[in-house]
N, C-alpha and C. Protein backbone atom coordinates (compact mmCIF):
# COMPACT_ATOMS: atom_id res chain seq x y z
N MET A 1 -141.47 25.36 -23.50
CA MET A 1 -141.50 24.40 -22.34
C MET A 1 -140.20 24.53 -21.57
N LEU A 2 -140.36 24.67 -20.21
CA LEU A 2 -139.19 24.88 -19.32
C LEU A 2 -138.48 23.49 -19.21
N PRO A 3 -137.15 23.57 -19.14
CA PRO A 3 -136.42 22.39 -19.03
C PRO A 3 -136.77 21.77 -17.57
N ILE A 4 -136.47 20.47 -17.55
CA ILE A 4 -136.84 19.70 -16.23
C ILE A 4 -136.22 20.46 -14.99
N TRP A 5 -134.90 20.90 -15.06
CA TRP A 5 -134.23 21.43 -13.97
C TRP A 5 -134.82 22.70 -13.61
N GLY A 6 -135.51 23.41 -14.59
CA GLY A 6 -136.08 24.68 -14.31
C GLY A 6 -137.43 24.57 -13.55
N VAL A 7 -137.98 23.36 -13.62
CA VAL A 7 -139.19 23.15 -12.91
C VAL A 7 -138.96 22.63 -11.50
N PHE A 8 -138.06 21.65 -11.39
CA PHE A 8 -137.83 20.93 -10.20
C PHE A 8 -136.68 21.46 -9.38
N GLY A 9 -135.66 22.02 -9.98
CA GLY A 9 -134.47 22.48 -9.29
C GLY A 9 -134.74 23.41 -8.19
N PRO A 10 -135.30 24.62 -8.52
CA PRO A 10 -135.56 25.51 -7.37
C PRO A 10 -136.47 25.05 -6.34
N ALA A 11 -137.46 24.26 -6.64
CA ALA A 11 -138.37 23.74 -5.61
C ALA A 11 -137.62 22.85 -4.69
N GLN A 12 -136.72 22.07 -5.15
CA GLN A 12 -135.93 21.16 -4.30
C GLN A 12 -134.93 22.02 -3.44
N ALA A 13 -134.52 23.18 -4.04
CA ALA A 13 -133.58 24.01 -3.23
C ALA A 13 -134.23 24.63 -2.09
N VAL A 14 -135.53 25.11 -2.39
CA VAL A 14 -136.38 25.71 -1.29
C VAL A 14 -136.61 24.73 -0.19
N ALA A 15 -136.87 23.47 -0.60
CA ALA A 15 -137.20 22.42 0.41
C ALA A 15 -135.99 22.20 1.29
N ALA A 16 -134.83 22.15 0.53
CA ALA A 16 -133.56 21.89 1.33
C ALA A 16 -133.22 23.01 2.32
N ASP A 17 -133.59 24.22 1.95
CA ASP A 17 -133.33 25.46 2.68
C ASP A 17 -134.46 25.80 3.68
N LYS A 18 -135.45 24.95 3.81
CA LYS A 18 -136.64 25.37 4.62
C LYS A 18 -136.11 25.47 5.99
N PRO A 19 -136.49 26.59 6.67
CA PRO A 19 -136.18 26.73 8.06
C PRO A 19 -136.46 25.58 8.94
N VAL A 20 -135.67 25.26 9.88
CA VAL A 20 -135.94 24.12 10.82
C VAL A 20 -136.83 24.73 11.95
N LYS A 21 -137.97 24.27 12.09
CA LYS A 21 -138.90 24.68 13.18
C LYS A 21 -138.57 24.07 14.55
N ILE A 22 -138.03 24.81 15.39
CA ILE A 22 -137.65 24.40 16.71
C ILE A 22 -138.56 25.02 17.80
N VAL A 23 -139.22 24.14 18.64
CA VAL A 23 -140.05 24.58 19.73
C VAL A 23 -139.27 24.51 20.98
N VAL A 24 -139.21 25.65 21.70
CA VAL A 24 -138.52 25.73 22.98
C VAL A 24 -139.68 25.64 24.06
N LEU A 25 -139.84 24.45 24.55
CA LEU A 25 -140.82 24.19 25.64
C LEU A 25 -140.24 24.37 26.96
N GLY A 26 -140.61 25.38 27.59
CA GLY A 26 -139.94 25.64 28.91
C GLY A 26 -140.80 26.59 29.84
N ASP A 27 -140.01 27.16 30.82
CA ASP A 27 -140.55 27.97 31.82
C ASP A 27 -140.07 29.42 31.62
N SER A 28 -140.04 30.19 32.63
CA SER A 28 -139.64 31.63 32.58
C SER A 28 -138.13 31.72 32.08
N LEU A 29 -137.31 30.81 32.36
CA LEU A 29 -135.91 30.85 32.00
C LEU A 29 -135.78 30.94 30.46
N SER A 30 -136.66 30.21 29.79
CA SER A 30 -136.52 30.25 28.25
C SER A 30 -137.63 31.16 27.74
N ALA A 31 -138.66 31.43 28.52
CA ALA A 31 -139.75 32.32 28.00
C ALA A 31 -139.20 33.90 27.96
N GLY A 32 -138.27 34.14 28.75
CA GLY A 32 -137.78 35.49 28.74
C GLY A 32 -138.38 36.40 29.80
N PHE A 33 -138.70 35.99 30.94
CA PHE A 33 -139.27 36.68 32.11
C PHE A 33 -138.36 37.93 32.36
N GLY A 34 -138.99 39.05 32.37
CA GLY A 34 -138.41 40.37 32.65
C GLY A 34 -137.56 40.89 31.52
N LEU A 35 -137.59 40.32 30.39
CA LEU A 35 -136.78 40.78 29.28
C LEU A 35 -137.62 41.19 28.05
N GLU A 36 -137.06 41.91 27.20
CA GLU A 36 -137.74 42.30 25.97
C GLU A 36 -137.71 41.01 25.07
N VAL A 37 -138.66 41.01 24.20
CA VAL A 37 -138.82 39.82 23.37
C VAL A 37 -137.54 39.40 22.61
N GLN A 38 -136.85 40.43 22.14
CA GLN A 38 -135.62 40.06 21.38
C GLN A 38 -134.47 39.63 22.22
N ASP A 39 -134.66 39.84 23.52
CA ASP A 39 -133.57 39.32 24.50
C ASP A 39 -133.84 37.93 25.10
N ALA A 40 -134.98 37.47 24.87
CA ALA A 40 -135.34 36.07 25.42
C ALA A 40 -134.46 35.04 24.70
N PHE A 41 -134.28 33.98 25.39
CA PHE A 41 -133.50 32.84 24.84
C PHE A 41 -133.88 32.39 23.47
N PRO A 42 -135.09 32.03 23.03
CA PRO A 42 -135.33 31.68 21.73
C PRO A 42 -134.98 32.76 20.66
N SER A 43 -135.17 33.98 20.91
CA SER A 43 -134.86 35.05 20.00
C SER A 43 -133.34 35.17 19.74
N LYS A 44 -132.60 35.19 20.91
CA LYS A 44 -131.17 35.32 20.83
C LYS A 44 -130.57 34.03 20.23
N LEU A 45 -131.18 32.87 20.45
CA LEU A 45 -130.56 31.68 19.80
C LEU A 45 -130.82 31.64 18.42
N GLN A 46 -132.08 32.07 18.01
CA GLN A 46 -132.36 32.16 16.54
C GLN A 46 -131.32 33.09 15.80
N ALA A 47 -131.10 34.27 16.46
CA ALA A 47 -130.11 35.27 15.83
C ALA A 47 -128.80 34.68 15.77
N ALA A 48 -128.31 34.01 16.86
CA ALA A 48 -126.99 33.46 16.81
C ALA A 48 -126.85 32.41 15.82
N LEU A 49 -127.88 31.53 15.57
CA LEU A 49 -127.87 30.51 14.50
C LEU A 49 -127.77 31.21 13.19
N LYS A 50 -128.63 32.14 13.00
CA LYS A 50 -128.60 32.84 11.71
C LYS A 50 -127.27 33.38 11.24
N ALA A 51 -126.51 33.94 12.37
CA ALA A 51 -125.18 34.40 12.08
C ALA A 51 -124.23 33.34 11.67
N LYS A 52 -124.50 32.03 12.03
CA LYS A 52 -123.73 30.88 11.64
C LYS A 52 -124.14 30.25 10.44
N GLY A 53 -125.28 30.85 9.80
CA GLY A 53 -125.70 30.31 8.56
C GLY A 53 -126.91 29.30 8.62
N TYR A 54 -127.47 29.15 9.88
CA TYR A 54 -128.69 28.26 10.06
C TYR A 54 -130.00 29.05 9.74
N ALA A 55 -130.86 28.39 9.03
CA ALA A 55 -132.21 28.99 8.94
C ALA A 55 -133.15 28.29 9.89
N THR A 56 -133.67 29.02 10.82
CA THR A 56 -134.60 28.35 11.88
C THR A 56 -135.78 29.18 12.14
N GLU A 57 -136.74 28.56 12.47
CA GLU A 57 -138.00 29.17 13.06
C GLU A 57 -138.20 28.81 14.47
N MET A 58 -137.96 29.73 15.34
CA MET A 58 -137.84 29.39 16.79
C MET A 58 -139.28 29.69 17.42
N ILE A 59 -139.87 28.84 18.03
CA ILE A 59 -141.24 29.00 18.59
C ILE A 59 -140.99 29.04 20.19
N ASN A 60 -141.30 30.13 20.70
CA ASN A 60 -141.13 30.32 22.17
C ASN A 60 -142.45 29.84 22.85
N ALA A 61 -142.31 28.62 23.36
CA ALA A 61 -143.42 27.89 24.03
C ALA A 61 -143.07 27.90 25.53
N GLY A 62 -142.46 28.93 26.06
CA GLY A 62 -142.16 29.02 27.38
C GLY A 62 -143.25 29.78 28.28
N VAL A 63 -143.54 29.23 29.42
CA VAL A 63 -144.57 29.78 30.24
C VAL A 63 -144.00 30.06 31.63
N SER A 64 -143.95 31.33 32.08
CA SER A 64 -143.38 31.58 33.37
C SER A 64 -144.12 30.97 34.45
N GLY A 65 -143.44 30.35 35.35
CA GLY A 65 -144.08 29.65 36.51
C GLY A 65 -144.47 28.30 36.22
N ASP A 66 -144.23 27.78 35.07
CA ASP A 66 -144.64 26.40 34.59
C ASP A 66 -143.81 25.31 35.31
N THR A 67 -144.40 24.23 35.71
CA THR A 67 -143.58 23.05 36.17
C THR A 67 -143.60 22.09 35.04
N ALA A 68 -142.89 20.96 35.30
CA ALA A 68 -142.87 19.82 34.34
C ALA A 68 -144.22 19.36 34.07
N THR A 69 -145.03 19.21 35.11
CA THR A 69 -146.40 18.74 34.92
C THR A 69 -147.20 19.76 34.07
N GLY A 70 -147.04 20.93 34.30
CA GLY A 70 -147.70 21.98 33.59
C GLY A 70 -147.35 21.91 32.09
N GLY A 71 -146.05 21.63 31.85
CA GLY A 71 -145.65 21.52 30.51
C GLY A 71 -146.23 20.28 29.76
N LEU A 72 -146.34 19.23 30.50
CA LEU A 72 -146.93 17.94 29.99
C LEU A 72 -148.46 18.21 29.67
N GLU A 73 -149.11 19.04 30.53
CA GLU A 73 -150.62 19.27 30.28
C GLU A 73 -150.84 20.00 29.04
N ARG A 74 -149.87 21.02 28.70
CA ARG A 74 -150.11 21.74 27.55
C ARG A 74 -149.36 21.36 26.25
N PHE A 75 -148.68 20.12 26.37
CA PHE A 75 -147.74 19.70 25.36
C PHE A 75 -148.44 19.78 23.91
N ASP A 76 -149.60 19.08 23.84
CA ASP A 76 -150.26 19.01 22.54
C ASP A 76 -150.55 20.32 21.91
N TRP A 77 -150.85 21.33 22.56
CA TRP A 77 -151.09 22.56 21.82
C TRP A 77 -149.91 23.58 21.81
N SER A 78 -148.92 23.25 22.62
CA SER A 78 -147.70 24.07 22.73
C SER A 78 -146.65 23.61 21.63
N VAL A 79 -146.68 22.37 21.23
CA VAL A 79 -145.75 21.79 20.09
C VAL A 79 -146.62 21.53 18.98
N PRO A 80 -146.60 22.34 17.91
CA PRO A 80 -147.37 22.05 16.67
C PRO A 80 -146.87 20.77 16.06
N SER A 81 -147.87 20.26 15.24
CA SER A 81 -147.56 18.95 14.60
C SER A 81 -146.45 19.05 13.51
N ASP A 82 -146.15 20.28 13.05
CA ASP A 82 -145.10 20.31 12.04
C ASP A 82 -143.77 20.79 12.66
N ALA A 83 -143.60 20.64 13.97
CA ALA A 83 -142.38 21.02 14.54
C ALA A 83 -141.23 20.06 14.15
N ASP A 84 -140.08 20.43 13.85
CA ASP A 84 -139.00 19.60 13.45
C ASP A 84 -138.18 19.18 14.64
N ALA A 85 -138.05 19.86 15.72
CA ALA A 85 -137.30 19.55 16.89
C ALA A 85 -137.82 20.28 18.11
N VAL A 86 -137.44 19.87 19.26
CA VAL A 86 -137.92 20.41 20.54
C VAL A 86 -136.73 20.58 21.46
N ILE A 87 -136.62 21.78 22.04
CA ILE A 87 -135.70 22.01 23.22
C ILE A 87 -136.52 21.95 24.44
N LEU A 88 -136.28 21.13 25.34
CA LEU A 88 -137.14 20.86 26.45
C LEU A 88 -136.39 21.49 27.65
N GLU A 89 -136.92 22.52 28.27
CA GLU A 89 -136.31 23.15 29.43
C GLU A 89 -137.39 23.35 30.46
N LEU A 90 -137.58 22.40 31.45
CA LEU A 90 -138.50 22.50 32.43
C LEU A 90 -137.91 21.83 33.74
N GLY A 91 -138.42 22.22 34.88
CA GLY A 91 -138.09 21.69 36.10
C GLY A 91 -137.59 22.58 37.16
N ALA A 92 -137.22 23.73 36.79
CA ALA A 92 -136.63 24.70 37.68
C ALA A 92 -137.66 25.11 38.78
N ASN A 93 -138.96 25.26 38.40
CA ASN A 93 -139.96 25.61 39.31
C ASN A 93 -140.35 24.42 40.24
N ASP A 94 -140.15 23.27 39.75
CA ASP A 94 -140.32 22.02 40.57
C ASP A 94 -139.38 22.07 41.76
N ALA A 95 -138.13 22.28 41.43
CA ALA A 95 -137.14 22.39 42.42
C ALA A 95 -137.30 23.51 43.49
N LEU A 96 -137.70 24.74 42.97
CA LEU A 96 -137.97 25.82 43.92
C LEU A 96 -139.17 25.55 44.77
N ARG A 97 -140.12 24.75 44.30
CA ARG A 97 -141.35 24.52 45.06
C ARG A 97 -141.13 23.20 45.95
N GLY A 98 -140.04 22.51 45.71
CA GLY A 98 -139.89 21.27 46.52
C GLY A 98 -140.83 20.14 46.02
N VAL A 99 -141.19 20.15 44.75
CA VAL A 99 -142.06 19.09 44.24
C VAL A 99 -141.30 17.80 44.30
N ASN A 100 -142.03 16.74 44.65
CA ASN A 100 -141.38 15.36 44.58
C ASN A 100 -140.62 15.13 43.36
N PRO A 101 -139.40 14.84 43.42
CA PRO A 101 -138.65 14.52 42.20
C PRO A 101 -139.24 13.41 41.33
N ASP A 102 -139.89 12.46 42.01
CA ASP A 102 -140.55 11.39 41.29
C ASP A 102 -141.64 11.90 40.31
N VAL A 103 -142.44 12.90 40.79
CA VAL A 103 -143.40 13.61 40.02
C VAL A 103 -142.76 14.34 38.91
N THR A 104 -141.72 15.06 39.03
CA THR A 104 -141.10 15.79 38.00
C THR A 104 -140.52 14.86 36.91
N LYS A 105 -139.95 13.87 37.43
CA LYS A 105 -139.35 12.85 36.47
C LYS A 105 -140.49 12.10 35.63
N ALA A 106 -141.51 11.84 36.26
CA ALA A 106 -142.52 11.16 35.60
C ALA A 106 -143.19 12.09 34.50
N ALA A 107 -143.36 13.34 34.74
CA ALA A 107 -143.91 14.28 33.75
C ALA A 107 -142.88 14.51 32.63
N LEU A 108 -141.65 14.72 32.98
CA LEU A 108 -140.69 14.81 31.91
C LEU A 108 -140.56 13.62 31.01
N ASP A 109 -140.66 12.44 31.61
CA ASP A 109 -140.58 11.18 30.96
C ASP A 109 -141.73 11.06 29.99
N LYS A 110 -142.97 11.53 30.41
CA LYS A 110 -144.10 11.45 29.46
C LYS A 110 -144.01 12.45 28.37
N ILE A 111 -143.38 13.64 28.57
CA ILE A 111 -143.18 14.54 27.56
C ILE A 111 -142.19 14.04 26.51
N LEU A 112 -141.19 13.44 26.99
CA LEU A 112 -140.12 12.82 26.02
C LEU A 112 -140.76 11.66 25.29
N THR A 113 -141.60 10.87 25.93
CA THR A 113 -142.39 9.85 25.27
C THR A 113 -143.17 10.32 24.12
N LYS A 114 -143.89 11.49 24.37
CA LYS A 114 -144.70 12.18 23.39
C LYS A 114 -143.90 12.60 22.17
N ILE A 115 -142.65 13.17 22.45
CA ILE A 115 -141.77 13.71 21.38
C ILE A 115 -141.29 12.51 20.66
N ASP A 116 -140.95 11.37 21.34
CA ASP A 116 -140.52 10.13 20.65
C ASP A 116 -141.49 9.63 19.65
N ALA A 117 -142.85 9.78 20.03
CA ALA A 117 -143.95 9.28 19.18
C ALA A 117 -144.02 10.01 17.91
N ARG A 118 -143.55 11.25 17.97
CA ARG A 118 -143.54 12.09 16.67
C ARG A 118 -142.26 11.87 15.87
N LYS A 119 -141.38 11.14 16.50
CA LYS A 119 -140.10 10.79 15.82
C LYS A 119 -139.33 12.09 15.39
N ILE A 120 -139.26 13.05 16.33
CA ILE A 120 -138.51 14.23 16.06
C ILE A 120 -137.47 14.36 17.23
N PRO A 121 -136.27 14.89 16.89
CA PRO A 121 -135.16 15.02 17.81
C PRO A 121 -135.56 16.02 19.00
N VAL A 122 -134.95 15.78 20.11
CA VAL A 122 -135.08 16.69 21.18
C VAL A 122 -133.80 16.92 21.92
N LEU A 123 -133.63 18.13 22.41
CA LEU A 123 -132.59 18.61 23.21
C LEU A 123 -133.17 18.72 24.71
N LEU A 124 -132.62 17.87 25.54
CA LEU A 124 -133.10 18.03 26.95
C LEU A 124 -132.12 18.93 27.70
N ALA A 125 -132.61 20.05 28.25
CA ALA A 125 -131.76 20.91 29.02
C ALA A 125 -131.93 20.65 30.47
N GLY A 126 -130.93 20.25 31.18
CA GLY A 126 -131.02 19.80 32.48
C GLY A 126 -131.12 21.04 33.56
N MET A 127 -131.59 20.66 34.76
CA MET A 127 -131.64 21.63 35.78
C MET A 127 -131.11 21.02 36.96
N LYS A 128 -130.65 21.90 37.95
CA LYS A 128 -130.10 21.50 39.19
C LYS A 128 -130.91 22.10 40.39
N SER A 129 -131.01 21.34 41.40
CA SER A 129 -131.83 21.80 42.54
C SER A 129 -130.93 22.84 43.44
N PRO A 130 -131.61 23.88 43.94
CA PRO A 130 -130.93 24.69 44.82
C PRO A 130 -130.37 23.96 46.11
N PRO A 131 -129.26 24.29 46.52
CA PRO A 131 -128.66 23.47 47.63
C PRO A 131 -129.45 23.51 48.93
N ASN A 132 -130.31 24.54 49.15
CA ASN A 132 -130.97 24.78 50.35
C ASN A 132 -132.14 23.71 50.42
N MET A 133 -132.41 22.92 49.43
CA MET A 133 -133.46 21.85 49.42
C MET A 133 -132.99 20.67 50.24
N GLY A 134 -131.67 20.63 50.64
CA GLY A 134 -131.17 19.58 51.30
C GLY A 134 -130.44 18.43 50.51
N PRO A 135 -129.48 17.84 50.89
CA PRO A 135 -128.71 16.85 50.05
C PRO A 135 -129.51 15.75 49.51
N ASP A 136 -130.36 15.21 50.27
CA ASP A 136 -131.13 14.06 49.74
C ASP A 136 -132.04 14.57 48.44
N TYR A 137 -132.71 15.62 48.72
CA TYR A 137 -133.51 16.18 47.60
C TYR A 137 -132.66 16.50 46.42
N VAL A 138 -131.67 17.23 46.60
CA VAL A 138 -130.68 17.67 45.59
C VAL A 138 -130.17 16.39 44.75
N ALA A 139 -129.74 15.43 45.47
CA ALA A 139 -129.19 14.19 44.75
C ALA A 139 -130.37 13.54 43.93
N LYS A 140 -131.53 13.39 44.43
CA LYS A 140 -132.68 12.73 43.66
C LYS A 140 -133.06 13.56 42.56
N PHE A 141 -133.09 14.99 42.79
CA PHE A 141 -133.61 15.79 41.65
C PHE A 141 -132.59 15.95 40.60
N ASP A 142 -131.37 16.06 40.90
CA ASP A 142 -130.26 16.27 39.92
C ASP A 142 -130.05 15.07 38.98
N ALA A 143 -130.43 13.94 39.53
CA ALA A 143 -130.31 12.65 38.77
C ALA A 143 -131.48 12.49 37.75
N ILE A 144 -132.46 13.29 37.77
CA ILE A 144 -133.58 13.08 36.83
C ILE A 144 -133.13 13.21 35.49
N TYR A 145 -132.29 14.23 35.18
CA TYR A 145 -132.00 14.61 33.69
C TYR A 145 -131.09 13.69 33.13
N PRO A 146 -130.01 13.26 33.68
CA PRO A 146 -129.04 12.32 32.99
C PRO A 146 -129.76 10.95 32.88
N GLU A 147 -130.58 10.60 33.82
CA GLU A 147 -131.26 9.24 33.73
C GLU A 147 -132.22 9.24 32.54
N LEU A 148 -132.97 10.27 32.46
CA LEU A 148 -133.93 10.39 31.29
C LEU A 148 -133.31 10.50 29.98
N ALA A 149 -132.19 11.29 29.88
CA ALA A 149 -131.39 11.39 28.67
C ALA A 149 -130.95 10.14 28.14
N LYS A 150 -130.44 9.31 29.16
CA LYS A 150 -129.95 7.98 28.81
C LYS A 150 -130.99 7.03 28.37
N ALA A 151 -132.14 7.02 29.06
CA ALA A 151 -133.28 6.25 28.82
C ALA A 151 -133.95 6.43 27.44
N HIS A 152 -133.98 7.75 27.01
CA HIS A 152 -134.62 8.11 25.78
C HIS A 152 -133.62 8.32 24.64
N GLY A 153 -132.34 8.29 24.94
CA GLY A 153 -131.29 8.50 23.90
C GLY A 153 -131.27 9.82 23.27
N VAL A 154 -131.63 10.85 24.10
CA VAL A 154 -131.68 12.26 23.50
C VAL A 154 -130.46 13.06 23.59
N ILE A 155 -130.36 14.16 22.96
CA ILE A 155 -129.21 15.10 23.02
C ILE A 155 -129.40 15.71 24.44
N PHE A 156 -128.27 15.89 25.20
CA PHE A 156 -128.36 16.35 26.57
C PHE A 156 -127.44 17.39 26.89
N TYR A 157 -128.05 18.41 27.46
CA TYR A 157 -127.17 19.56 27.93
C TYR A 157 -127.42 19.55 29.46
N PRO A 158 -126.42 19.35 30.31
CA PRO A 158 -126.60 18.97 31.65
C PRO A 158 -127.18 20.12 32.54
N PHE A 159 -126.85 21.36 32.19
CA PHE A 159 -127.37 22.42 33.22
C PHE A 159 -127.59 23.74 32.31
N PHE A 160 -128.96 23.97 32.15
CA PHE A 160 -129.34 25.16 31.34
C PHE A 160 -128.71 26.47 31.76
N LEU A 161 -128.45 26.61 33.06
CA LEU A 161 -127.92 27.89 33.57
C LEU A 161 -126.43 27.82 33.86
N ASP A 162 -125.84 26.81 33.27
CA ASP A 162 -124.27 26.68 33.32
C ASP A 162 -123.52 28.06 33.00
N GLY A 163 -122.70 28.43 33.96
CA GLY A 163 -121.98 29.67 33.74
C GLY A 163 -122.76 30.86 34.07
N VAL A 164 -124.08 30.80 34.44
CA VAL A 164 -124.83 31.93 34.67
C VAL A 164 -125.45 31.95 36.06
N ALA A 165 -125.77 30.79 36.62
CA ALA A 165 -126.39 30.61 37.91
C ALA A 165 -125.48 31.26 38.95
N ALA A 166 -126.05 32.07 39.93
CA ALA A 166 -125.30 32.64 41.08
C ALA A 166 -124.44 33.78 40.65
N ASP A 167 -124.36 34.18 39.36
CA ASP A 167 -123.46 35.24 38.92
C ASP A 167 -124.26 36.58 38.84
N GLY A 168 -124.18 37.50 39.78
CA GLY A 168 -124.86 38.74 39.83
C GLY A 168 -124.84 39.52 38.58
N LYS A 169 -123.71 39.51 37.89
CA LYS A 169 -123.60 40.25 36.72
C LYS A 169 -124.44 39.73 35.48
N LEU A 170 -124.87 38.49 35.57
CA LEU A 170 -125.53 37.83 34.49
C LEU A 170 -127.04 37.58 34.79
N ASN A 171 -127.48 38.02 36.00
CA ASN A 171 -128.82 37.77 36.31
C ASN A 171 -129.57 39.08 36.71
N GLN A 172 -130.82 38.95 36.54
CA GLN A 172 -131.70 40.18 36.99
C GLN A 172 -131.59 40.31 38.58
N ARG A 173 -132.31 41.32 39.06
CA ARG A 173 -132.18 41.66 40.46
C ARG A 173 -132.84 40.50 41.35
N ASP A 174 -133.65 39.68 40.82
CA ASP A 174 -134.19 38.56 41.58
C ASP A 174 -133.10 37.52 41.82
N GLY A 175 -132.03 37.55 41.12
CA GLY A 175 -130.99 36.49 41.25
C GLY A 175 -131.25 35.16 40.62
N MET A 176 -132.41 35.06 39.96
CA MET A 176 -132.74 33.74 39.42
C MET A 176 -132.92 33.74 37.91
N HIS A 177 -133.34 34.86 37.30
CA HIS A 177 -133.65 34.85 35.90
C HIS A 177 -132.37 35.62 35.21
N PRO A 178 -131.87 35.14 34.12
CA PRO A 178 -130.80 35.75 33.45
C PRO A 178 -131.22 37.09 32.72
N ASN A 179 -130.21 38.00 32.77
CA ASN A 179 -130.47 39.25 32.04
C ASN A 179 -129.99 38.99 30.60
N PRO A 180 -129.98 40.01 29.77
CA PRO A 180 -129.59 39.83 28.37
C PRO A 180 -128.19 39.21 28.30
N GLN A 181 -127.27 39.62 29.05
CA GLN A 181 -125.97 39.14 29.04
C GLN A 181 -125.92 37.71 29.41
N GLY A 182 -126.63 37.40 30.38
CA GLY A 182 -126.69 36.02 30.85
C GLY A 182 -127.29 35.07 29.80
N VAL A 183 -128.32 35.58 29.03
CA VAL A 183 -128.85 34.81 28.02
C VAL A 183 -127.86 34.53 26.97
N ASP A 184 -127.02 35.54 26.65
CA ASP A 184 -125.91 35.42 25.66
C ASP A 184 -124.96 34.28 26.01
N VAL A 185 -124.67 34.13 27.36
CA VAL A 185 -123.79 33.06 27.83
C VAL A 185 -124.48 31.74 27.63
N ILE A 186 -125.85 31.60 27.92
CA ILE A 186 -126.50 30.42 27.74
C ILE A 186 -126.41 29.93 26.38
N VAL A 187 -126.79 30.94 25.38
CA VAL A 187 -126.78 30.61 23.94
C VAL A 187 -125.38 30.15 23.52
N LYS A 188 -124.34 30.83 23.93
CA LYS A 188 -122.99 30.37 23.54
C LYS A 188 -122.67 29.02 23.96
N ASN A 189 -123.01 28.73 25.23
CA ASN A 189 -122.71 27.43 25.88
C ASN A 189 -123.36 26.23 25.24
N VAL A 190 -124.75 26.44 24.95
CA VAL A 190 -125.59 25.45 24.52
C VAL A 190 -125.52 25.27 22.91
N MET A 191 -124.90 26.14 22.27
CA MET A 191 -124.82 26.22 20.80
C MET A 191 -124.42 24.89 20.16
N PRO A 192 -123.32 24.16 20.60
CA PRO A 192 -122.92 23.03 19.98
C PRO A 192 -124.01 21.94 20.01
N LYS A 193 -124.73 21.81 21.07
CA LYS A 193 -125.84 20.82 21.35
C LYS A 193 -127.04 21.13 20.41
N VAL A 194 -127.24 22.46 20.19
CA VAL A 194 -128.35 22.92 19.21
C VAL A 194 -128.00 22.60 17.83
N GLU A 195 -126.69 22.77 17.41
CA GLU A 195 -126.32 22.45 16.14
C GLU A 195 -126.33 20.95 15.92
N GLU A 196 -126.14 20.16 16.92
CA GLU A 196 -126.42 18.76 16.82
C GLU A 196 -127.83 18.44 16.63
N LEU A 197 -128.71 19.20 17.30
CA LEU A 197 -130.13 18.98 17.14
C LEU A 197 -130.57 19.29 15.74
N ILE A 198 -130.13 20.43 15.17
CA ILE A 198 -130.45 20.67 13.78
C ILE A 198 -130.04 19.73 12.80
N ALA A 199 -128.79 19.18 13.02
CA ALA A 199 -128.29 18.19 12.07
C ALA A 199 -129.18 16.87 12.05
N LYS A 200 -129.70 16.64 13.27
CA LYS A 200 -130.49 15.50 13.42
C LYS A 200 -131.93 15.69 12.76
N ALA A 201 -132.35 17.02 12.96
CA ALA A 201 -133.63 17.34 12.37
C ALA A 201 -133.57 17.30 10.72
N LYS A 202 -132.41 17.77 10.27
CA LYS A 202 -132.29 17.84 8.82
C LYS A 202 -132.12 16.40 8.31
N ALA A 203 -131.47 15.56 9.03
CA ALA A 203 -131.30 14.17 8.57
C ALA A 203 -132.58 13.51 8.53
N ARG A 204 -133.40 13.78 9.48
CA ARG A 204 -134.68 13.05 9.47
C ARG A 204 -135.59 13.72 8.33
N ALA A 205 -135.54 14.91 8.00
CA ALA A 205 -136.24 15.50 6.89
C ALA A 205 -135.76 15.06 5.60
N GLY A 206 -134.41 14.77 5.49
CA GLY A 206 -133.86 14.28 4.29
C GLY A 206 -134.14 12.84 3.97
């Protein structure tokens, strides 16, 4: 007969080391528009986390062209029930199309409420409006993310494209989507927040 530790020890170790399943719910910026699969944000983030000793299963639930409302409409089938955490990156297309910020905010609010109901941690990646939309629109749009982060008490990264936006060396020819080097910068900058997200997911599982 096997000793007790021989039966239960390894099983507990496996459970403790189970990869954290993180769903990246976003648009083309996270989906990897114009990039090879391995160069998309979820893939590069998973590789960077692995290099730091984190075991994760990254689900790329990014859809190019999606708005916050589109993300809300597909939430239930884009975020599986066994997800441990969510990185929410939506809103860039709303700003580009001049969608009423109230509409964008309401959709993101409902997504965060759905995540809250599952009691899993979320990292909200903020977005900023292009300046050509006018000061009133910019002010109203840019306020969406910090207000929602405070209201829902989530982990917050103010600007997903921080350090990358408007830098020709870090973007593709369209000037809007990051190239592989740009994705590397995003991953490096957001890493502390992702580590916080993983810590929360593990604490919840424990």
